[in-house]
């Protein structure tokens, strides 16, 4: 099972858009049973597919809606309030993924308050209570027998939740805007990747797919920073040979009444759809990985 995570400890680099594009490519285009996981307390990834609700215990945060399979009259559901999120893994409870409007794609949504509470665990307990939990969940027989691929959206952080994702992932992608602050986040993620690679079992490597130039503008600033990264002897080999431009269509398909609702529902000659397909298809080329 491939577990693909999008990471950058700087915000505003388009991790959620990239996560959504990848999840829909795998499920909608490749027809692979895919689980999307929202590990960001902001829950933007969850909001793409569910009508998230205001959490009365934390009005600034969101929580999942009642699960469609919940039956309050079922005696087996008496210990369940009808909501489920990926944060349940930190509280000894099961996770019940939600179906989405896309065939083959399920979602384990976030729950803002519970994820933030897990992030705040004491350092003496973080390994046992946070770092190991996502790996344990994804290694469970139910998950492995149900899904071929997992796509994880993460918070702009290097904290315990992000470390948990890195320890569980098989592949990571670092999206970044070609500007000074986001580029600084690349180095932080590369450091975490190297640290994990040094301690991980040799038969379970963590593959860095690459650094993805995202929300790219045809400005001198973006072009110059991209060129400087490509010429950098330390990280140039990790820069992906494709980029995603900043396009209004990605914001438009976020709307609940958008039509179409997926970038892959546009005609084949649509420039954004072509760009998205080009980014994802390049990873199928075995020479791409040999060149790195």
C-alpha atoms as a PDB file:
ATOM      1  CA  UNK A   1       0.000   0.000   0.000  1.00  0.00           C
ATOM      2  CA  UNK A   2       1.388   3.382  -1.035  1.00  0.00           C
ATOM      3  CA  UNK A   3       1.033   6.147   1.570  1.00  0.00           C
ATOM      4  CA  UNK A   4       1.683   9.554  -0.022  1.00  0.00           C
ATOM      5  CA  UNK A   5       1.999  12.641   2.180  1.00  0.00           C
ATOM      6  CA  UNK A   6       2.256  16.314   1.260  1.00  0.00           C
ATOM      7  CA  UNK A   7       4.521  18.245   3.624  1.00  0.00           C
ATOM      8  CA  UNK A   8       5.829  21.761   4.146  1.00  0.00           C
ATOM      9  CA  UNK A   9       6.108  23.517   7.493  1.00  0.00           C
ATOM     10  CA  UNK A  10       5.211  26.827   5.837  1.00  0.00           C
ATOM     11  CA  UNK A  11       1.553  27.634   5.188  1.00  0.00           C
ATOM     12  CA  UNK A  12      -0.057  28.843   1.980  1.00  0.00           C
ATOM     13  CA  UNK A  13       1.902  26.587  -0.384  1.00  0.00           C
ATOM     14  CA  UNK A  14      -1.111  24.646  -1.688  1.00  0.00           C
ATOM     15  CA  UNK A  15      -0.692  21.342   0.147  1.00  0.00           C
ATOM     16  CA  UNK A  16      -4.444  20.788   0.273  1.00  0.00           C
ATOM     17  CA  UNK A  17      -4.912  21.423  -3.452  1.00  0.00           C
ATOM     18  CA  UNK A  18      -2.059  19.040  -4.225  1.00  0.00           C
ATOM     19  CA  UNK A  19      -3.456  16.415  -1.852  1.00  0.00           C
ATOM     20  CA  UNK A  20      -6.885  16.696  -3.445  1.00  0.00           C
ATOM     21  CA  UNK A  21      -5.463  16.462  -6.955  1.00  0.00           C
ATOM     22  CA  UNK A  22      -3.452  13.363  -6.066  1.00  0.00           C
ATOM     23  CA  UNK A  23      -6.359  11.665  -4.261  1.00  0.00           C
ATOM     24  CA  UNK A  24      -8.738  12.279  -7.166  1.00  0.00           C
ATOM     25  CA  UNK A  25      -6.173  11.170  -9.719  1.00  0.00           C
ATOM     26  CA  UNK A  26      -5.654   7.857  -7.938  1.00  0.00           C
ATOM     27  CA  UNK A  27      -9.345   7.201  -7.273  1.00  0.00           C
ATOM     28  CA  UNK A  28     -11.073   8.826 -10.251  1.00  0.00           C
ATOM     29  CA  UNK A  29      -8.540   8.341 -13.037  1.00  0.00           C
ATOM     30  CA  UNK A  30      -6.689   5.210 -11.916  1.00  0.00           C
ATOM     31  CA  UNK A  31      -9.711   3.616 -10.161  1.00  0.00           C
ATOM     32  CA  UNK A  32      -7.638   2.682  -7.108  1.00  0.00           C
ATOM     33  CA  UNK A  33      -9.439   2.363  -3.759  1.00  0.00           C
ATOM     34  CA  UNK A  34      -8.017   5.409  -1.985  1.00  0.00           C
ATOM     35  CA  UNK A  35      -8.223   6.760   1.545  1.00  0.00           C
ATOM     36  CA  UNK A  36      -7.754  10.508   1.990  1.00  0.00           C
ATOM     37  CA  UNK A  37      -6.626  11.596   5.466  1.00  0.00           C
ATOM     38  CA  UNK A  38      -6.820  15.119   6.853  1.00  0.00           C
ATOM     39  CA  UNK A  39      -4.113  15.625   9.481  1.00  0.00           C
ATOM     40  CA  UNK A  40      -4.423  19.415   9.517  1.00  0.00           C
ATOM     41  CA  UNK A  41      -6.486  20.945  12.370  1.00  0.00           C
ATOM     42  CA  UNK A  42      -7.736  23.561   9.897  1.00  0.00           C
ATOM     43  CA  UNK A  43      -9.661  20.714   8.187  1.00  0.00           C
ATOM     44  CA  UNK A  44      -9.592  22.292   4.719  1.00  0.00           C
ATOM     45  CA  UNK A  45      -9.075  18.904   3.051  1.00  0.00           C
ATOM     46  CA  UNK A  46     -12.095  17.512   4.907  1.00  0.00           C
ATOM     47  CA  UNK A  47     -14.200  20.467   3.808  1.00  0.00           C
ATOM     48  CA  UNK A  48     -13.635  19.537   0.162  1.00  0.00           C
ATOM     49  CA  UNK A  49     -15.767  16.424   0.566  1.00  0.00           C
ATOM     50  CA  UNK A  50     -17.914  16.824   3.701  1.00  0.00           C
ATOM     51  CA  UNK A  51     -20.130  19.496   5.206  1.00  0.00           C
ATOM     52  CA  UNK A  52     -17.974  20.030   8.253  1.00  0.00           C
ATOM     53  CA  UNK A  53     -19.683  21.503  11.311  1.00  0.00           C
ATOM     54  CA  UNK A  54     -18.713  24.059  13.937  1.00  0.00           C
ATOM     55  CA  UNK A  55     -17.517  22.298  17.084  1.00  0.00           C
ATOM     56  CA  UNK A  56     -19.605  23.643  20.013  1.00  0.00           C
ATOM     57  CA  UNK A  57     -16.750  22.793  22.393  1.00  0.00           C
ATOM     58  CA  UNK A  58     -14.349  24.841  20.276  1.00  0.00           C
ATOM     59  CA  UNK A  59     -16.253  27.396  18.150  1.00  0.00           C
ATOM     60  CA  UNK A  60     -13.164  28.292  16.142  1.00  0.00           C
ATOM     61  CA  UNK A  61     -12.699  24.680  15.051  1.00  0.00           C
ATOM     62  CA  UNK A  62     -14.497  22.176  12.838  1.00  0.00           C
ATOM     63  CA  UNK A  63     -15.681  18.626  13.407  1.00  0.00           C
ATOM     64  CA  UNK A  64     -17.097  15.972  11.045  1.00  0.00           C
ATOM     65  CA  UNK A  65     -20.838  15.635  10.452  1.00  0.00           C
ATOM     66  CA  UNK A  66     -22.844  12.606  11.527  1.00  0.00           C
ATOM     67  CA  UNK A  67     -21.640   9.577   9.581  1.00  0.00           C
ATOM     68  CA  UNK A  68     -24.157   8.283   6.993  1.00  0.00           C
ATOM     69  CA  UNK A  69     -23.866   4.763   8.428  1.00  0.00           C
ATOM     70  CA  UNK A  70     -24.707   5.835  11.969  1.00  0.00           C
ATOM     71  CA  UNK A  71     -27.976   4.475  13.346  1.00  0.00           C
ATOM     72  CA  UNK A  72     -28.867   5.782  16.820  1.00  0.00           C
ATOM     73  CA  UNK A  73     -31.392   2.954  17.211  1.00  0.00           C
ATOM     74  CA  UNK A  74     -28.800   0.259  16.586  1.00  0.00           C
ATOM     75  CA  UNK A  75     -27.669  -1.256  19.917  1.00  0.00           C
ATOM     76  CA  UNK A  76     -24.182  -1.703  18.450  1.00  0.00           C
ATOM     77  CA  UNK A  77     -23.913   2.091  18.016  1.00  0.00           C
ATOM     78  CA  UNK A  78     -24.731   3.069  21.588  1.00  0.00           C
ATOM     79  CA  UNK A  79     -21.066   3.799  22.399  1.00  0.00           C
ATOM     80  CA  UNK A  80     -20.649   5.986  19.322  1.00  0.00           C
ATOM     81  CA  UNK A  81     -21.816   9.590  18.909  1.00  0.00           C
ATOM     82  CA  UNK A  82     -22.049   9.142  15.129  1.00  0.00           C
ATOM     83  CA  UNK A  83     -18.964  11.178  14.237  1.00  0.00           C
ATOM     84  CA  UNK A  84     -15.572   9.820  13.280  1.00  0.00           C
ATOM     85  CA  UNK A  85     -12.246  11.452  12.479  1.00  0.00           C
ATOM     86  CA  UNK A  86      -8.643  10.425  12.007  1.00  0.00           C
ATOM     87  CA  UNK A  87      -7.977  11.949  15.440  1.00  0.00           C
ATOM     88  CA  UNK A  88      -9.707   8.930  17.041  1.00  0.00           C
ATOM     89  CA  UNK A  89      -6.424   7.024  16.656  1.00  0.00           C
ATOM     90  CA  UNK A  90      -5.006   9.126  19.501  1.00  0.00           C
ATOM     91  CA  UNK A  91      -7.862   8.248  21.841  1.00  0.00           C
ATOM     92  CA  UNK A  92      -8.040   4.473  21.469  1.00  0.00           C
ATOM     93  CA  UNK A  93     -11.118   4.576  19.257  1.00  0.00           C
ATOM     94  CA  UNK A  94     -11.821   3.189  15.805  1.00  0.00           C
ATOM     95  CA  UNK A  95     -11.908   5.304  12.652  1.00  0.00           C
ATOM     96  CA  UNK A  96     -14.884   4.951  10.299  1.00  0.00           C
ATOM     97  CA  UNK A  97     -14.011   6.616   6.973  1.00  0.00           C
ATOM     98  CA  UNK A  98     -16.708   8.586   5.155  1.00  0.00           C
ATOM     99  CA  UNK A  99     -17.679   7.903   1.541  1.00  0.00           C
ATOM    100  CA  UNK A 100     -17.259  10.868  -0.811  1.00  0.00           C
ATOM    101  CA  UNK A 101     -19.015  11.892  -4.011  1.00  0.00           C
ATOM    102  CA  UNK A 102     -16.075  10.376  -5.911  1.00  0.00           C
ATOM    103  CA  UNK A 103     -16.154   6.642  -6.510  1.00  0.00           C
ATOM    104  CA  UNK A 104     -13.251   4.733  -4.931  1.00  0.00           C
ATOM    105  CA  UNK A 105     -12.406   7.649  -2.616  1.00  0.00           C
ATOM    106  CA  UNK A 106     -13.092   7.593   1.134  1.00  0.00           C
ATOM    107  CA  UNK A 107     -12.126  10.237   3.668  1.00  0.00           C
ATOM    108  CA  UNK A 108     -10.902  10.079   7.247  1.00  0.00           C
ATOM    109  CA  UNK A 109     -11.631  13.718   8.138  1.00  0.00           C
ATOM    110  CA  UNK A 110      -9.934  15.911  10.687  1.00  0.00           C
ATOM    111  CA  UNK A 111     -11.360  17.124  13.974  1.00  0.00           C
ATOM    112  CA  UNK A 112      -9.721  20.411  14.936  1.00  0.00           C
ATOM    113  CA  UNK A 113      -9.915  20.214  18.721  1.00  0.00           C
ATOM    114  CA  UNK A 114      -8.836  16.580  18.968  1.00  0.00           C
ATOM    115  CA  UNK A 115      -5.892  17.011  16.589  1.00  0.00           C
ATOM    116  CA  UNK A 116      -4.695  20.089  18.476  1.00  0.00           C
ATOM    117  CA  UNK A 117      -4.925  18.178  21.757  1.00  0.00           C
ATOM    118  CA  UNK A 118      -2.794  15.378  20.304  1.00  0.00           C
ATOM    119  CA  UNK A 119      -0.263  17.944  19.073  1.00  0.00           C
ATOM    120  CA  UNK A 120       0.047  19.293  22.628  1.00  0.00           C
ATOM    121  CA  UNK A 121       0.957  15.977  24.266  1.00  0.00           C
ATOM    122  CA  UNK A 122       3.918  16.033  26.651  1.00  0.00           C
ATOM    123  CA  UNK A 123       7.353  15.328  25.156  1.00  0.00           C
ATOM    124  CA  UNK A 124       7.842  12.320  27.420  1.00  0.00           C
ATOM    125  CA  UNK A 125       4.739  10.699  25.908  1.00  0.00           C
ATOM    126  CA  UNK A 126       4.888  11.882  22.305  1.00  0.00           C
ATOM    127  CA  UNK A 127       6.507   8.779  20.796  1.00  0.00           C
ATOM    128  CA  UNK A 128       4.027   6.328  22.250  1.00  0.00           C
ATOM    129  CA  UNK A 129       0.886   8.476  22.122  1.00  0.00           C
ATOM    130  CA  UNK A 130       1.391  10.319  18.815  1.00  0.00           C
ATOM    131  CA  UNK A 131       4.318   9.206  16.645  1.00  0.00           C
ATOM    132  CA  UNK A 132       3.292   5.547  16.435  1.00  0.00           C
ATOM    133  CA  UNK A 133      -0.472   5.850  16.133  1.00  0.00           C
ATOM    134  CA  UNK A 134      -0.884   6.629  12.433  1.00  0.00           C
ATOM    135  CA  UNK A 135       1.489   3.824  11.476  1.00  0.00           C
ATOM    136  CA  UNK A 136      -0.463   1.410  13.658  1.00  0.00           C
ATOM    137  CA  UNK A 137      -3.749   2.477  12.077  1.00  0.00           C
ATOM    138  CA  UNK A 138      -2.502   2.198   8.494  1.00  0.00           C
ATOM    139  CA  UNK A 139      -0.960  -1.211   9.216  1.00  0.00           C
ATOM    140  CA  UNK A 140      -4.271  -2.585  10.476  1.00  0.00           C
ATOM    141  CA  UNK A 141      -5.707  -5.480   8.414  1.00  0.00           C
ATOM    142  CA  UNK A 142      -8.943  -3.577   7.716  1.00  0.00           C
ATOM    143  CA  UNK A 143      -7.159  -0.620   6.158  1.00  0.00           C
ATOM    144  CA  UNK A 144      -4.700  -2.704   4.167  1.00  0.00           C
ATOM    145  CA  UNK A 145      -7.407  -4.964   2.768  1.00  0.00           C
ATOM    146  CA  UNK A 146      -9.648  -2.042   1.789  1.00  0.00           C
ATOM    147  CA  UNK A 147      -7.303   0.524   0.206  1.00  0.00           C
ATOM    148  CA  UNK A 148      -4.473   0.437  -2.314  1.00  0.00           C
ATOM    149  CA  UNK A 149      -3.363   4.015  -1.728  1.00  0.00           C
ATOM    150  CA  UNK A 150      -3.523   6.617   1.026  1.00  0.00           C
ATOM    151  CA  UNK A 151      -3.104  10.386   0.553  1.00  0.00           C
ATOM    152  CA  UNK A 152      -2.406  12.585   3.587  1.00  0.00           C
ATOM    153  CA  UNK A 153      -2.743  16.347   3.882  1.00  0.00           C
ATOM    154  CA  UNK A 154      -0.721  17.852   6.725  1.00  0.00           C
ATOM    155  CA  UNK A 155      -0.541  21.020   8.795  1.00  0.00           C
ATOM    156  CA  UNK A 156       2.162  23.670   8.209  1.00  0.00           C
ATOM    157  CA  UNK A 157       4.232  22.330  11.081  1.00  0.00           C
ATOM    158  CA  UNK A 158       7.229  20.233  12.086  1.00  0.00           C
ATOM    159  CA  UNK A 159       5.441  19.101  15.250  1.00  0.00           C
ATOM    160  CA  UNK A 160       4.279  15.680  16.488  1.00  0.00           C
ATOM    161  CA  UNK A 161       1.465  15.300  13.938  1.00  0.00           C
ATOM    162  CA  UNK A 162       3.823  15.886  11.015  1.00  0.00           C
ATOM    163  CA  UNK A 163       6.398  13.515  12.501  1.00  0.00           C
ATOM    164  CA  UNK A 164       3.653  10.911  12.843  1.00  0.00           C
ATOM    165  CA  UNK A 165       2.862  11.280   9.141  1.00  0.00           C
ATOM    166  CA  UNK A 166       6.510  11.014   8.107  1.00  0.00           C
ATOM    167  CA  UNK A 167       6.899   7.820  10.115  1.00  0.00           C
ATOM    168  CA  UNK A 168       3.834   6.282   8.457  1.00  0.00           C
ATOM    169  CA  UNK A 169       4.397   7.424   4.864  1.00  0.00           C
ATOM    170  CA  UNK A 170       6.007   5.467   2.050  1.00  0.00           C
ATOM    171  CA  UNK A 171       6.303   8.514  -0.228  1.00  0.00           C
ATOM    172  CA  UNK A 172       6.418  12.267   0.400  1.00  0.00           C
ATOM    173  CA  UNK A 173       6.066  15.330  -1.819  1.00  0.00           C
ATOM    174  CA  UNK A 174       7.117  18.823  -0.744  1.00  0.00           C
ATOM    175  CA  UNK A 175       5.069  21.474  -2.565  1.00  0.00           C
ATOM    176  CA  UNK A 176       6.379  25.019  -2.372  1.00  0.00           C
ATOM    177  CA  UNK A 177       5.673  28.450  -3.729  1.00  0.00           C
ATOM    178  CA  UNK A 178       8.777  29.955  -5.293  1.00  0.00           C
ATOM    179  CA  UNK A 179       9.154  32.665  -2.640  1.00  0.00           C
ATOM    180  CA  UNK A 180      11.610  33.110   0.217  1.00  0.00           C
ATOM    181  CA  UNK A 181       9.510  32.010   3.208  1.00  0.00           C
ATOM    182  CA  UNK A 182       7.989  28.867   1.628  1.00  0.00           C
ATOM    183  CA  UNK A 183      11.379  27.841   0.258  1.00  0.00           C
ATOM    184  CA  UNK A 184      12.741  27.939   3.806  1.00  0.00           C
ATOM    185  CA  UNK A 185      10.129  25.313   4.637  1.00  0.00           C
ATOM    186  CA  UNK A 186      11.672  22.982   2.052  1.00  0.00           C
ATOM    187  CA  UNK A 187      14.861  22.726   4.078  1.00  0.00           C
ATOM    188  CA  UNK A 188      12.933  21.892   7.247  1.00  0.00           C
ATOM    189  CA  UNK A 189      11.097  19.057   5.510  1.00  0.00           C
ATOM    190  CA  UNK A 190      14.269  17.719   3.900  1.00  0.00           C
ATOM    191  CA  UNK A 191      15.837  17.604   7.356  1.00  0.00           C
ATOM    192  CA  UNK A 192      12.946  15.557   8.745  1.00  0.00           C
ATOM    193  CA  UNK A 193      13.067  13.242   5.726  1.00  0.00           C
ATOM    194  CA  UNK A 194      16.796  12.613   6.185  1.00  0.00           C
ATOM    195  CA  UNK A 195      16.387  11.991   9.902  1.00  0.00           C
ATOM    196  CA  UNK A 196      13.614   9.469   9.285  1.00  0.00           C
ATOM    197  CA  UNK A 197      15.587   7.770   6.495  1.00  0.00           C
ATOM    198  CA  UNK A 198      18.557   7.230   8.806  1.00  0.00           C
ATOM    199  CA  UNK A 199      16.507   5.465  11.477  1.00  0.00           C
ATOM    200  CA  UNK A 200      13.937   3.623   9.371  1.00  0.00           C
ATOM    201  CA  UNK A 201      14.159  -0.081   8.514  1.00  0.00           C
ATOM    202  CA  UNK A 202      16.050  -0.637   5.251  1.00  0.00           C
ATOM    203  CA  UNK A 203      13.242  -2.742   3.797  1.00  0.00           C
ATOM    204  CA  UNK A 204      10.762   0.132   4.241  1.00  0.00           C
ATOM    205  CA  UNK A 205      12.434   3.201   2.698  1.00  0.00           C
ATOM    206  CA  UNK A 206      10.797   6.623   2.685  1.00  0.00           C
ATOM    207  CA  UNK A 207      10.792   7.801  -0.926  1.00  0.00           C
ATOM    208  CA  UNK A 208      11.026  11.531  -1.571  1.00  0.00           C
ATOM    209  CA  UNK A 209       9.115  11.907  -4.839  1.00  0.00           C
ATOM    210  CA  UNK A 210      10.330  15.455  -5.095  1.00  0.00           C
ATOM    211  CA  UNK A 211       9.908  19.165  -4.449  1.00  0.00           C
ATOM    212  CA  UNK A 212       6.950  20.430  -6.466  1.00  0.00           C
ATOM    213  CA  UNK A 213       6.943  24.089  -7.588  1.00  0.00           C
ATOM    214  CA  UNK A 214       3.339  25.044  -6.889  1.00  0.00           C
ATOM    215  CA  UNK A 215       1.108  28.085  -7.478  1.00  0.00           C
ATOM    216  CA  UNK A 216       3.772  29.174  -9.952  1.00  0.00           C
ATOM    217  CA  UNK A 217       3.578  32.617 -11.551  1.00  0.00           C
ATOM    218  CA  UNK A 218       5.432  33.765 -14.643  1.00  0.00           C
ATOM    219  CA  UNK A 219       7.210  36.487 -12.687  1.00  0.00           C
ATOM    220  CA  UNK A 220      10.901  37.174 -12.426  1.00  0.00           C
ATOM    221  CA  UNK A 221      10.850  36.349  -8.715  1.00  0.00           C
ATOM    222  CA  UNK A 222       9.359  32.878  -9.189  1.00  0.00           C
ATOM    223  CA  UNK A 223      11.527  32.102 -12.197  1.00  0.00           C
ATOM    224  CA  UNK A 224      14.735  33.224 -10.465  1.00  0.00           C
ATOM    225  CA  UNK A 225      14.057  31.283  -7.261  1.00  0.00           C
ATOM    226  CA  UNK A 226      13.173  28.139  -9.224  1.00  0.00           C
ATOM    227  CA  UNK A 227      16.367  28.436 -11.243  1.00  0.00           C
ATOM    228  CA  UNK A 228      18.446  28.927  -8.087  1.00  0.00           C
ATOM    229  CA  UNK A 229      16.932  25.801  -6.546  1.00  0.00           C
ATOM    230  CA  UNK A 230      17.520  23.755  -9.697  1.00  0.00           C
ATOM    231  CA  UNK A 231      21.150  24.896  -9.710  1.00  0.00           C
ATOM    232  CA  UNK A 232      21.631  24.103  -6.013  1.00  0.00           C
ATOM    233  CA  UNK A 233      23.968  21.102  -5.769  1.00  0.00           C
ATOM    234  CA  UNK A 234      22.320  19.874  -2.562  1.00  0.00           C
ATOM    235  CA  UNK A 235      18.649  19.920  -3.548  1.00  0.00           C
ATOM    236  CA  UNK A 236      18.525  20.546  -7.304  1.00  0.00           C
ATOM    237  CA  UNK A 237      18.126  16.842  -8.025  1.00  0.00           C
ATOM    238  CA  UNK A 238      14.937  16.775  -5.965  1.00  0.00           C
ATOM    239  CA  UNK A 239      13.132  19.546  -7.893  1.00  0.00           C
ATOM    240  CA  UNK A 240      10.416  17.901  -9.981  1.00  0.00           C
ATOM    241  CA  UNK A 241      10.596  18.588 -13.744  1.00  0.00           C
ATOM    242  CA  UNK A 242       7.007  19.907 -13.721  1.00  0.00           C
ATOM    243  CA  UNK A 243       5.183  22.722 -11.965  1.00  0.00           C
ATOM    244  CA  UNK A 244       1.618  23.681 -11.123  1.00  0.00           C
ATOM    245  CA  UNK A 245       0.602  27.224 -12.002  1.00  0.00           C
ATOM    246  CA  UNK A 246      -1.578  29.449  -9.870  1.00  0.00           C
ATOM    247  CA  UNK A 247      -5.007  29.074 -11.458  1.00  0.00           C
ATOM    248  CA  UNK A 248      -8.401  30.311 -10.335  1.00  0.00           C
ATOM    249  CA  UNK A 249     -10.010  27.035 -11.411  1.00  0.00           C
ATOM    250  CA  UNK A 250      -8.658  25.268  -8.300  1.00  0.00           C
ATOM    251  CA  UNK A 251     -10.539  27.725  -6.106  1.00  0.00           C
ATOM    252  CA  UNK A 252     -13.668  27.472  -8.265  1.00  0.00           C
ATOM    253  CA  UNK A 253     -13.977  23.689  -7.941  1.00  0.00           C
ATOM    254  CA  UNK A 254     -13.845  24.036  -4.157  1.00  0.00           C
ATOM    255  CA  UNK A 255     -17.366  25.439  -4.227  1.00  0.00           C
ATOM    256  CA  UNK A 256     -20.092  23.006  -3.184  1.00  0.00           C
ATOM    257  CA  UNK A 257     -22.190  23.865  -6.240  1.00  0.00           C
ATOM    258  CA  UNK A 258     -19.253  23.814  -8.652  1.00  0.00           C
ATOM    259  CA  UNK A 259     -19.760  21.973 -11.924  1.00  0.00           C
ATOM    260  CA  UNK A 260     -17.572  20.108 -12.541  1.00  0.00           C
ATOM    261  CA  UNK A 261     -16.235  19.465  -9.046  1.00  0.00           C
ATOM    262  CA  UNK A 262     -12.987  17.749 -10.029  1.00  0.00           C
ATOM    263  CA  UNK A 263     -10.136  18.987 -12.184  1.00  0.00           C
ATOM    264  CA  UNK A 264     -10.270  15.612 -13.934  1.00  0.00           C
ATOM    265  CA  UNK A 265     -13.838  16.204 -15.138  1.00  0.00           C
ATOM    266  CA  UNK A 266     -12.711  18.975 -17.466  1.00  0.00           C
ATOM    267  CA  UNK A 267     -12.119  18.274 -21.136  1.00  0.00           C
ATOM    268  CA  UNK A 268      -8.701  16.903 -21.983  1.00  0.00           C
ATOM    269  CA  UNK A 269      -7.574  20.142 -23.614  1.00  0.00           C
ATOM    270  CA  UNK A 270      -8.277  22.200 -20.471  1.00  0.00           C
ATOM    271  CA  UNK A 271      -4.935  23.763 -19.507  1.00  0.00           C
ATOM    272  CA  UNK A 272      -5.229  23.082 -15.751  1.00  0.00           C
ATOM    273  CA  UNK A 273      -6.319  19.478 -16.328  1.00  0.00           C
ATOM    274  CA  UNK A 274      -3.393  18.960 -18.691  1.00  0.00           C
ATOM    275  CA  UNK A 275      -1.009  20.439 -16.136  1.00  0.00           C
ATOM    276  CA  UNK A 276      -2.367  18.233 -13.349  1.00  0.00           C
ATOM    277  CA  UNK A 277      -2.159  15.121 -15.500  1.00  0.00           C
ATOM    278  CA  UNK A 278       1.342  16.036 -16.613  1.00  0.00           C
ATOM    279  CA  UNK A 279       2.552  16.357 -13.016  1.00  0.00           C
ATOM    280  CA  UNK A 280       1.088  13.007 -11.998  1.00  0.00           C
ATOM    281  CA  UNK A 281       2.035  11.102 -15.135  1.00  0.00           C
ATOM    282  CA  UNK A 282       5.704  12.062 -14.857  1.00  0.00           C
ATOM    283  CA  UNK A 283       5.958  10.018 -11.665  1.00  0.00           C
ATOM    284  CA  UNK A 284       5.137   6.854 -13.650  1.00  0.00           C
ATOM    285  CA  UNK A 285       8.319   7.255 -15.674  1.00  0.00           C
ATOM    286  CA  UNK A 286      10.939   4.948 -14.097  1.00  0.00           C
ATOM    287  CA  UNK A 287      13.684   7.146 -15.536  1.00  0.00           C
ATOM    288  CA  UNK A 288      12.421   9.993 -13.355  1.00  0.00           C
ATOM    289  CA  UNK A 289      13.408   8.121 -10.197  1.00  0.00           C
ATOM    290  CA  UNK A 290      16.689   6.895 -11.693  1.00  0.00           C
ATOM    291  CA  UNK A 291      17.743  10.471 -12.467  1.00  0.00           C
ATOM    292  CA  UNK A 292      17.457  11.591  -8.847  1.00  0.00           C
END
